[in-house]
Amino acid sequence: MKSAYVMLAAAAIFASAACNAEKGTSANTDNTPIKAIKAPNGDWSKLVSRTEAGGYIMGNPNADVKLVEFGSLTCPHCAEFDEKGGDKLINDYVKSGRVSWEFRNFVRDPFDLTASLLARCAGPDRFFPLSHELYADQRNWTSKIQEIPQEQFQALQSMGPEKQFLEIAKLSQLQQWAAQRGVPSGKSNVCLTDQNEINRLVQMNGDTTTQFPEFTGTPSFVINGKMLKETATWEKLEPQLRDALGS
């Protein structure tokens, strides 16, 4: 785990190689239309839990179509997907009970890891809303990172994980940003220095590339266990969801 962390910490501020890749194969061969299922709590989108893989899943856990997104909070293409497709995915597919949506963080750099720790800090109920707001405000908080003076940036590179992500959150004003959205500084201090969660996020990167050797970047999507080809936008994902649903 230590070597994986060192590799991550040495990444460039915004590594473009792991953003907007196209890969994989398609989904489902059963053309029988899948019907909507009533949620026991009245709204499937309000049912969110953490998965064994370390992601967060929204919706019917027994949905016939299981969508997994691998996303990076510093990736502009992921932010574009969230802007154009996030609400539609929830309202048109997850709320029907036909599709579950699991988001797995794929962290590209220490700044992405910092944002991911904050998004995960408030628990399952707040994970998707906080991730959505981080995407919506991505240009603002990433610009603050780019404004960090060179000497402070160099000092960050020499810090261990017990200090680095907390310091990044302070310098980028992400900790203040999170406090304004219901994650008090006392709580985020704990989350940003949680070695188990830091290790988990780094491990998720390795798990992703092991499970899906064809993975080359974010956003990437898997439907029912198969990674999709040339599907990094909502316009390309939605037809494949419809095919999987037989509609």
C-alpha atoms as a PDB file:
ATOM      1  CA  MET A   1       0.000   0.000   0.000  1.00  0.00           C
ATOM      2  CA  LYS A   2       2.859   2.379   0.721  1.00  0.00           C
ATOM      3  CA  SER A   3       4.243   2.099  -2.818  1.00  0.00           C
ATOM      4  CA  ALA A   4       0.798   2.715  -4.281  1.00  0.00           C
ATOM      5  CA  TYR A   5       0.437   5.842  -2.195  1.00  0.00           C
ATOM      6  CA  VAL A   6       3.859   7.139  -3.264  1.00  0.00           C
ATOM      7  CA  MET A   7       2.936   6.635  -6.907  1.00  0.00           C
ATOM      8  CA  LEU A   8      -0.310   8.542  -6.394  1.00  0.00           C
ATOM      9  CA  ALA A   9       1.364  11.364  -4.501  1.00  0.00           C
ATOM     10  CA  ALA A  10       3.843  11.824  -7.338  1.00  0.00           C
ATOM     11  CA  ALA A  11       1.077  12.351  -9.920  1.00  0.00           C
ATOM     12  CA  ALA A  12       0.736  15.634 -11.782  1.00  0.00           C
ATOM     13  CA  ILE A  13      -1.932  18.082 -10.602  1.00  0.00           C
ATOM     14  CA  PHE A  14      -4.425  16.963 -13.230  1.00  0.00           C
ATOM     15  CA  ALA A  15      -3.297  13.793 -15.011  1.00  0.00           C
ATOM     16  CA  SER A  16      -5.128  13.875 -18.329  1.00  0.00           C
ATOM     17  CA  ALA A  17      -4.257  10.289 -19.223  1.00  0.00           C
ATOM     18  CA  ALA A  18      -6.932   8.960 -16.886  1.00  0.00           C
ATOM     19  CA  CYS A  19      -9.791  11.126 -18.110  1.00  0.00           C
ATOM     20  CA  ASN A  20     -12.252  10.557 -20.954  1.00  0.00           C
ATOM     21  CA  ALA A  21     -11.085   7.140 -22.109  1.00  0.00           C
ATOM     22  CA  GLU A  22     -13.142   4.860 -24.363  1.00  0.00           C
ATOM     23  CA  LYS A  23     -13.147   1.061 -23.982  1.00  0.00           C
ATOM     24  CA  GLY A  24     -14.833  -2.315 -23.459  1.00  0.00           C
ATOM     25  CA  THR A  25     -17.841  -4.315 -24.583  1.00  0.00           C
ATOM     26  CA  SER A  26     -21.570  -3.910 -24.298  1.00  0.00           C
ATOM     27  CA  ALA A  27     -24.346  -5.093 -22.071  1.00  0.00           C
ATOM     28  CA  ASN A  28     -27.318  -7.361 -22.156  1.00  0.00           C
ATOM     29  CA  THR A  29     -28.776  -9.693 -24.811  1.00  0.00           C
ATOM     30  CA  ASP A  30     -32.260 -10.125 -23.319  1.00  0.00           C
ATOM     31  CA  ASN A  31     -34.714  -7.895 -25.212  1.00  0.00           C
ATOM     32  CA  THR A  32     -37.639  -8.454 -22.860  1.00  0.00           C
ATOM     33  CA  PRO A  33     -38.646  -5.014 -21.507  1.00  0.00           C
ATOM     34  CA  ILE A  34     -37.941  -4.622 -17.806  1.00  0.00           C
ATOM     35  CA  LYS A  35     -40.825  -3.094 -15.873  1.00  0.00           C
ATOM     36  CA  ALA A  36     -40.628  -0.444 -13.192  1.00  0.00           C
ATOM     37  CA  ILE A  37     -40.619  -1.624  -9.582  1.00  0.00           C
ATOM     38  CA  LYS A  38     -42.191   0.322  -6.742  1.00  0.00           C
ATOM     39  CA  ALA A  39     -39.757   1.401  -4.037  1.00  0.00           C
ATOM     40  CA  PRO A  40     -40.590   0.227  -0.495  1.00  0.00           C
ATOM     41  CA  ASN A  41     -39.565   3.641   0.825  1.00  0.00           C
ATOM     42  CA  GLY A  42     -41.331   5.537  -1.961  1.00  0.00           C
ATOM     43  CA  ASP A  43     -38.145   6.634  -3.768  1.00  0.00           C
ATOM     44  CA  TRP A  44     -35.357   4.305  -4.882  1.00  0.00           C
ATOM     45  CA  SER A  45     -32.938   7.229  -5.246  1.00  0.00           C
ATOM     46  CA  LYS A  46     -33.053   7.731  -1.471  1.00  0.00           C
ATOM     47  CA  LEU A  47     -31.709   4.221  -0.886  1.00  0.00           C
ATOM     48  CA  VAL A  48     -27.913   4.515  -0.839  1.00  0.00           C
ATOM     49  CA  SER A  49     -25.334   2.221   0.738  1.00  0.00           C
ATOM     50  CA  ARG A  50     -21.637   1.456   0.591  1.00  0.00           C
ATOM     51  CA  THR A  51     -20.544  -1.553  -1.432  1.00  0.00           C
ATOM     52  CA  GLU A  52     -17.912  -4.192  -0.783  1.00  0.00           C
ATOM     53  CA  ALA A  53     -15.873  -2.672  -3.612  1.00  0.00           C
ATOM     54  CA  GLY A  54     -15.729   0.623  -1.712  1.00  0.00           C
ATOM     55  CA  GLY A  55     -18.175   2.519  -3.887  1.00  0.00           C
ATOM     56  CA  TYR A  56     -21.651   3.835  -3.125  1.00  0.00           C
ATOM     57  CA  ILE A  57     -24.747   2.378  -4.755  1.00  0.00           C
ATOM     58  CA  MET A  58     -28.002   4.232  -5.286  1.00  0.00           C
ATOM     59  CA  GLY A  59     -31.301   2.528  -6.005  1.00  0.00           C
ATOM     60  CA  ASN A  60     -32.769  -0.940  -6.048  1.00  0.00           C
ATOM     61  CA  PRO A  61     -29.974  -3.341  -5.011  1.00  0.00           C
ATOM     62  CA  ASN A  62     -31.761  -6.102  -6.927  1.00  0.00           C
ATOM     63  CA  ALA A  63     -32.239  -4.070 -10.109  1.00  0.00           C
ATOM     64  CA  ASP A  64     -31.988  -6.063 -13.327  1.00  0.00           C
ATOM     65  CA  VAL A  65     -29.560  -3.522 -14.749  1.00  0.00           C
ATOM     66  CA  LYS A  66     -26.569  -2.725 -12.561  1.00  0.00           C
ATOM     67  CA  LEU A  67     -24.578   0.291 -13.682  1.00  0.00           C
ATOM     68  CA  VAL A  68     -21.133   1.011 -12.261  1.00  0.00           C
ATOM     69  CA  GLU A  69     -19.393   4.309 -12.954  1.00  0.00           C
ATOM     70  CA  PHE A  70     -15.674   4.810 -12.389  1.00  0.00           C
ATOM     71  CA  GLY A  71     -15.237   8.540 -11.917  1.00  0.00           C
ATOM     72  CA  SER A  72     -12.675  11.110 -10.850  1.00  0.00           C
ATOM     73  CA  LEU A  73     -13.718  14.306  -9.096  1.00  0.00           C
ATOM     74  CA  THR A  74     -10.931  16.287 -10.811  1.00  0.00           C
ATOM     75  CA  CYS A  75     -11.826  14.976 -14.280  1.00  0.00           C
ATOM     76  CA  PRO A  76     -13.635  17.619 -16.394  1.00  0.00           C
ATOM     77  CA  HIS A  77     -15.196  14.944 -18.613  1.00  0.00           C
ATOM     78  CA  CYS A  78     -16.688  13.302 -15.511  1.00  0.00           C
ATOM     79  CA  ALA A  79     -18.077  16.680 -14.468  1.00  0.00           C
ATOM     80  CA  GLU A  80     -19.608  17.089 -17.915  1.00  0.00           C
ATOM     81  CA  PHE A  81     -21.228  13.671 -17.659  1.00  0.00           C
ATOM     82  CA  ASP A  82     -22.665  14.554 -14.253  1.00  0.00           C
ATOM     83  CA  GLU A  83     -23.990  17.881 -15.555  1.00  0.00           C
ATOM     84  CA  LYS A  84     -25.663  16.417 -18.618  1.00  0.00           C
ATOM     85  CA  GLY A  85     -26.667  12.983 -17.392  1.00  0.00           C
ATOM     86  CA  GLY A  86     -26.728  12.826 -13.599  1.00  0.00           C
ATOM     87  CA  ASP A  87     -30.295  13.999 -13.042  1.00  0.00           C
ATOM     88  CA  LYS A  88     -31.607  12.061 -16.044  1.00  0.00           C
ATOM     89  CA  LEU A  89     -29.941   8.881 -14.851  1.00  0.00           C
ATOM     90  CA  ILE A  90     -31.589   9.245 -11.448  1.00  0.00           C
ATOM     91  CA  ASN A  91     -35.019  10.441 -12.536  1.00  0.00           C
ATOM     92  CA  ASP A  92     -35.519   8.281 -15.628  1.00  0.00           C
ATOM     93  CA  TYR A  93     -33.740   5.092 -14.610  1.00  0.00           C
ATOM     94  CA  VAL A  94     -32.788   4.731 -10.934  1.00  0.00           C
ATOM     95  CA  LYS A  95     -36.153   5.913  -9.593  1.00  0.00           C
ATOM     96  CA  SER A  96     -37.916   3.266 -11.684  1.00  0.00           C
ATOM     97  CA  GLY A  97     -36.170   0.512  -9.734  1.00  0.00           C
ATOM     98  CA  ARG A  98     -34.911  -0.947 -13.003  1.00  0.00           C
ATOM     99  CA  VAL A  99     -31.361   0.407 -12.721  1.00  0.00           C
ATOM    100  CA  SER A 100     -28.975   0.699  -9.784  1.00  0.00           C
ATOM    101  CA  TRP A 101     -26.086   3.165 -10.004  1.00  0.00           C
ATOM    102  CA  GLU A 102     -22.836   2.494  -8.207  1.00  0.00           C
ATOM    103  CA  PHE A 103     -20.141   5.182  -8.218  1.00  0.00           C
ATOM    104  CA  ARG A 104     -16.569   4.081  -7.541  1.00  0.00           C
ATOM    105  CA  ASN A 105     -13.940   6.739  -7.058  1.00  0.00           C
ATOM    106  CA  PHE A 106     -10.890   6.339  -9.269  1.00  0.00           C
ATOM    107  CA  VAL A 107      -8.458   8.878  -7.819  1.00  0.00           C
ATOM    108  CA  ARG A 108      -6.000  10.435 -10.272  1.00  0.00           C
ATOM    109  CA  ASP A 109      -3.933  12.603  -7.949  1.00  0.00           C
ATOM    110  CA  PRO A 110      -3.696  13.799  -4.322  1.00  0.00           C
ATOM    111  CA  PHE A 111      -6.217  16.567  -4.979  1.00  0.00           C
ATOM    112  CA  ASP A 112      -8.771  14.112  -6.317  1.00  0.00           C
ATOM    113  CA  LEU A 113      -8.166  11.937  -3.263  1.00  0.00           C
ATOM    114  CA  THR A 114      -8.748  14.951  -0.996  1.00  0.00           C
ATOM    115  CA  ALA A 115     -12.079  15.745  -2.654  1.00  0.00           C
ATOM    116  CA  SER A 116     -13.066  12.070  -2.540  1.00  0.00           C
ATOM    117  CA  LEU A 117     -12.385  11.871   1.205  1.00  0.00           C
ATOM    118  CA  LEU A 118     -14.676  14.863   1.732  1.00  0.00           C
ATOM    119  CA  ALA A 119     -17.435  13.478  -0.496  1.00  0.00           C
ATOM    120  CA  ARG A 120     -17.364  10.217   1.457  1.00  0.00           C
ATOM    121  CA  CYS A 121     -17.056  11.919   4.849  1.00  0.00           C
ATOM    122  CA  ALA A 122     -20.759  12.475   5.555  1.00  0.00           C
ATOM    123  CA  GLY A 123     -21.807   8.897   4.815  1.00  0.00           C
ATOM    124  CA  PRO A 124     -23.987   7.253   2.161  1.00  0.00           C
ATOM    125  CA  ASP A 125     -26.909   9.707   2.279  1.00  0.00           C
ATOM    126  CA  ARG A 126     -24.683  12.658   1.398  1.00  0.00           C
ATOM    127  CA  PHE A 127     -22.213  11.002  -0.963  1.00  0.00           C
ATOM    128  CA  PHE A 128     -24.053  11.584  -4.239  1.00  0.00           C
ATOM    129  CA  PRO A 129     -25.185  15.162  -3.428  1.00  0.00           C
ATOM    130  CA  LEU A 130     -21.678  16.172  -2.330  1.00  0.00           C
ATOM    131  CA  SER A 131     -20.081  14.562  -5.387  1.00  0.00           C
ATOM    132  CA  HIS A 132     -22.588  16.371  -7.600  1.00  0.00           C
ATOM    133  CA  GLU A 133     -21.756  19.702  -5.970  1.00  0.00           C
ATOM    134  CA  LEU A 134     -18.017  19.060  -6.271  1.00  0.00           C
ATOM    135  CA  TYR A 135     -18.489  18.487  -9.983  1.00  0.00           C
ATOM    136  CA  ALA A 136     -20.661  21.582 -10.349  1.00  0.00           C
ATOM    137  CA  ASP A 137     -18.052  23.704  -8.576  1.00  0.00           C
ATOM    138  CA  GLN A 138     -15.039  21.865 -10.007  1.00  0.00           C
ATOM    139  CA  ARG A 139     -13.536  24.821 -11.889  1.00  0.00           C
ATOM    140  CA  ASN A 140     -13.591  27.006  -8.791  1.00  0.00           C
ATOM    141  CA  TRP A 141     -11.910  24.654  -6.335  1.00  0.00           C
ATOM    142  CA  THR A 142      -9.419  23.274  -8.839  1.00  0.00           C
ATOM    143  CA  SER A 143      -8.404  26.823  -9.760  1.00  0.00           C
ATOM    144  CA  LYS A 144      -7.599  27.463  -6.099  1.00  0.00           C
ATOM    145  CA  ILE A 145      -5.329  24.414  -6.152  1.00  0.00           C
ATOM    146  CA  GLN A 146      -3.534  25.805  -9.190  1.00  0.00           C
ATOM    147  CA  GLU A 147      -2.982  29.055  -7.301  1.00  0.00           C
ATOM    148  CA  ILE A 148      -1.079  27.367  -4.462  1.00  0.00           C
ATOM    149  CA  PRO A 149       2.386  29.024  -4.309  1.00  0.00           C
ATOM    150  CA  GLN A 150       5.210  26.867  -5.603  1.00  0.00           C
ATOM    151  CA  GLU A 151       6.960  26.613  -2.245  1.00  0.00           C
ATOM    152  CA  GLN A 152       3.768  25.415  -0.552  1.00  0.00           C
ATOM    153  CA  PHE A 153       3.117  22.969  -3.382  1.00  0.00           C
ATOM    154  CA  GLN A 154       6.610  21.516  -2.969  1.00  0.00           C
ATOM    155  CA  ALA A 155       6.047  21.213   0.766  1.00  0.00           C
ATOM    156  CA  LEU A 156       2.834  19.274   0.099  1.00  0.00           C
ATOM    157  CA  GLN A 157       4.741  16.706  -1.953  1.00  0.00           C
ATOM    158  CA  SER A 158       6.982  15.882   1.001  1.00  0.00           C
ATOM    159  CA  MET A 159       4.125  15.387   3.481  1.00  0.00           C
ATOM    160  CA  GLY A 160       2.830  11.983   4.447  1.00  0.00           C
ATOM    161  CA  PRO A 161      -0.847  11.023   4.084  1.00  0.00           C
ATOM    162  CA  GLU A 162      -1.474  11.850   7.731  1.00  0.00           C
ATOM    163  CA  LYS A 163      -1.019  15.558   6.874  1.00  0.00           C
ATOM    164  CA  GLN A 164      -1.100  16.036   3.111  1.00  0.00           C
ATOM    165  CA  PHE A 165      -4.808  15.774   2.360  1.00  0.00           C
ATOM    166  CA  LEU A 166      -5.827  17.944   5.297  1.00  0.00           C
ATOM    167  CA  GLU A 167      -3.382  20.618   4.170  1.00  0.00           C
ATOM    168  CA  ILE A 168      -4.640  20.419   0.575  1.00  0.00           C
ATOM    169  CA  ALA A 169      -8.212  20.833   1.821  1.00  0.00           C
ATOM    170  CA  LYS A 170      -7.215  23.940   3.759  1.00  0.00           C
ATOM    171  CA  LEU A 171      -5.156  25.546   0.981  1.00  0.00           C
ATOM    172  CA  SER A 172      -7.832  24.917  -1.647  1.00  0.00           C
ATOM    173  CA  GLN A 173     -10.609  26.038   0.738  1.00  0.00           C
ATOM    174  CA  LEU A 174     -12.270  22.653   0.207  1.00  0.00           C
ATOM    175  CA  GLN A 175     -12.580  22.153   3.939  1.00  0.00           C
ATOM    176  CA  GLN A 176     -14.455  25.453   4.217  1.00  0.00           C
ATOM    177  CA  TRP A 177     -16.513  24.459   1.161  1.00  0.00           C
ATOM    178  CA  ALA A 178     -17.498  21.188   2.845  1.00  0.00           C
ATOM    179  CA  ALA A 179     -18.356  22.946   6.126  1.00  0.00           C
ATOM    180  CA  GLN A 180     -20.819  25.142   4.246  1.00  0.00           C
ATOM    181  CA  ARG A 181     -22.501  21.953   3.030  1.00  0.00           C
ATOM    182  CA  GLY A 182     -22.936  20.174   6.326  1.00  0.00           C
ATOM    183  CA  VAL A 183     -19.522  18.617   6.947  1.00  0.00           C
ATOM    184  CA  PRO A 184     -18.083  20.492   9.951  1.00  0.00           C
ATOM    185  CA  SER A 185     -14.333  21.015  10.176  1.00  0.00           C
ATOM    186  CA  GLY A 186     -14.029  18.707  13.178  1.00  0.00           C
ATOM    187  CA  LYS A 187     -15.507  15.861  11.170  1.00  0.00           C
ATOM    188  CA  SER A 188     -13.540  16.579   8.010  1.00  0.00           C
ATOM    189  CA  ASN A 189     -10.300  16.721  10.048  1.00  0.00           C
ATOM    190  CA  VAL A 190     -10.934  13.088  10.960  1.00  0.00           C
ATOM    191  CA  CYS A 191     -11.897  12.032   7.438  1.00  0.00           C
ATOM    192  CA  LEU A 192      -8.949  13.752   5.770  1.00  0.00           C
ATOM    193  CA  THR A 193      -6.486  11.915   8.017  1.00  0.00           C
ATOM    194  CA  ASP A 194      -8.233   8.525   8.054  1.00  0.00           C
ATOM    195  CA  GLN A 195      -5.470   6.178   6.925  1.00  0.00           C
ATOM    196  CA  ASN A 196      -7.849   3.262   6.392  1.00  0.00           C
ATOM    197  CA  GLU A 197     -10.029   5.296   4.034  1.00  0.00           C
ATOM    198  CA  ILE A 198      -6.997   6.700   2.226  1.00  0.00           C
ATOM    199  CA  ASN A 199      -5.663   3.181   1.735  1.00  0.00           C
ATOM    200  CA  ARG A 200      -9.094   2.039   0.573  1.00  0.00           C
ATOM    201  CA  LEU A 201      -9.257   4.675  -2.148  1.00  0.00           C
ATOM    202  CA  VAL A 202      -5.777   3.812  -3.390  1.00  0.00           C
ATOM    203  CA  GLN A 203      -6.656   0.103  -3.299  1.00  0.00           C
ATOM    204  CA  MET A 204      -9.773   0.786  -5.376  1.00  0.00           C
ATOM    205  CA  ASN A 205      -7.555   2.014  -8.207  1.00  0.00           C
ATOM    206  CA  GLY A 206      -5.646  -1.251  -8.197  1.00  0.00           C
ATOM    207  CA  ASP A 207      -8.825  -3.293  -7.928  1.00  0.00           C
ATOM    208  CA  THR A 208     -10.284  -1.491 -10.934  1.00  0.00           C
ATOM    209  CA  THR A 209      -7.357  -2.118 -13.239  1.00  0.00           C
ATOM    210  CA  THR A 210      -7.111  -5.731 -12.073  1.00  0.00           C
ATOM    211  CA  GLN A 211     -10.798  -6.483 -12.591  1.00  0.00           C
ATOM    212  CA  PHE A 212     -10.980  -4.566 -15.851  1.00  0.00           C
ATOM    213  CA  PRO A 213      -7.595  -4.709 -17.650  1.00  0.00           C
ATOM    214  CA  GLU A 214      -9.132  -2.742 -20.522  1.00  0.00           C
ATOM    215  CA  PHE A 215      -9.762   0.239 -18.244  1.00  0.00           C
ATOM    216  CA  THR A 216      -7.764   3.290 -19.368  1.00  0.00           C
ATOM    217  CA  GLY A 217      -9.531   6.312 -17.869  1.00  0.00           C
ATOM    218  CA  THR A 218     -12.495   8.144 -16.467  1.00  0.00           C
ATOM    219  CA  PRO A 219     -15.376   8.228 -16.813  1.00  0.00           C
ATOM    220  CA  SER A 220     -15.832   4.535 -17.520  1.00  0.00           C
ATOM    221  CA  PHE A 221     -19.052   2.542 -17.247  1.00  0.00           C
ATOM    222  CA  VAL A 222     -19.896  -1.087 -16.622  1.00  0.00           C
ATOM    223  CA  ILE A 223     -23.345  -2.621 -17.152  1.00  0.00           C
ATOM    224  CA  ASN A 224     -23.994  -5.999 -15.563  1.00  0.00           C
ATOM    225  CA  GLY A 225     -20.305  -6.756 -15.226  1.00  0.00           C
ATOM    226  CA  LYS A 226     -19.180  -5.735 -18.720  1.00  0.00           C
ATOM    227  CA  MET A 227     -17.231  -2.581 -19.446  1.00  0.00           C
ATOM    228  CA  LEU A 228     -18.743  -0.535 -22.226  1.00  0.00           C
ATOM    229  CA  LYS A 229     -16.954   0.522 -25.370  1.00  0.00           C
ATOM    230  CA  GLU A 230     -16.716   4.171 -26.409  1.00  0.00           C
ATOM    231  CA  THR A 231     -19.043   5.322 -23.643  1.00  0.00           C
ATOM    232  CA  ALA A 232     -17.767   8.394 -21.813  1.00  0.00           C
ATOM    233  CA  THR A 233     -20.790  10.657 -22.302  1.00  0.00           C
ATOM    234  CA  TRP A 234     -24.472  10.554 -21.401  1.00  0.00           C
ATOM    235  CA  GLU A 235     -25.384  10.602 -25.088  1.00  0.00           C
ATOM    236  CA  LYS A 236     -23.489   7.341 -25.544  1.00  0.00           C
ATOM    237  CA  LEU A 237     -24.458   5.722 -22.260  1.00  0.00           C
ATOM    238  CA  GLU A 238     -28.232   6.212 -22.390  1.00  0.00           C
ATOM    239  CA  PRO A 239     -28.808   4.085 -25.542  1.00  0.00           C
ATOM    240  CA  GLN A 240     -26.916   1.236 -23.913  1.00  0.00           C
ATOM    241  CA  LEU A 241     -29.043   1.533 -20.779  1.00  0.00           C
ATOM    242  CA  ARG A 242     -32.137   1.331 -22.978  1.00  0.00           C
ATOM    243  CA  ASP A 243     -30.779  -1.719 -24.760  1.00  0.00           C
ATOM    244  CA  ALA A 244     -30.077  -3.395 -21.419  1.00  0.00           C
ATOM    245  CA  LEU A 245     -33.631  -2.616 -20.331  1.00  0.00           C
ATOM    246  CA  GLY A 246     -35.102  -3.957 -23.577  1.00  0.00           C
ATOM    247  CA  SER A 247     -36.748  -0.650 -24.375  1.00  0.00           C
END
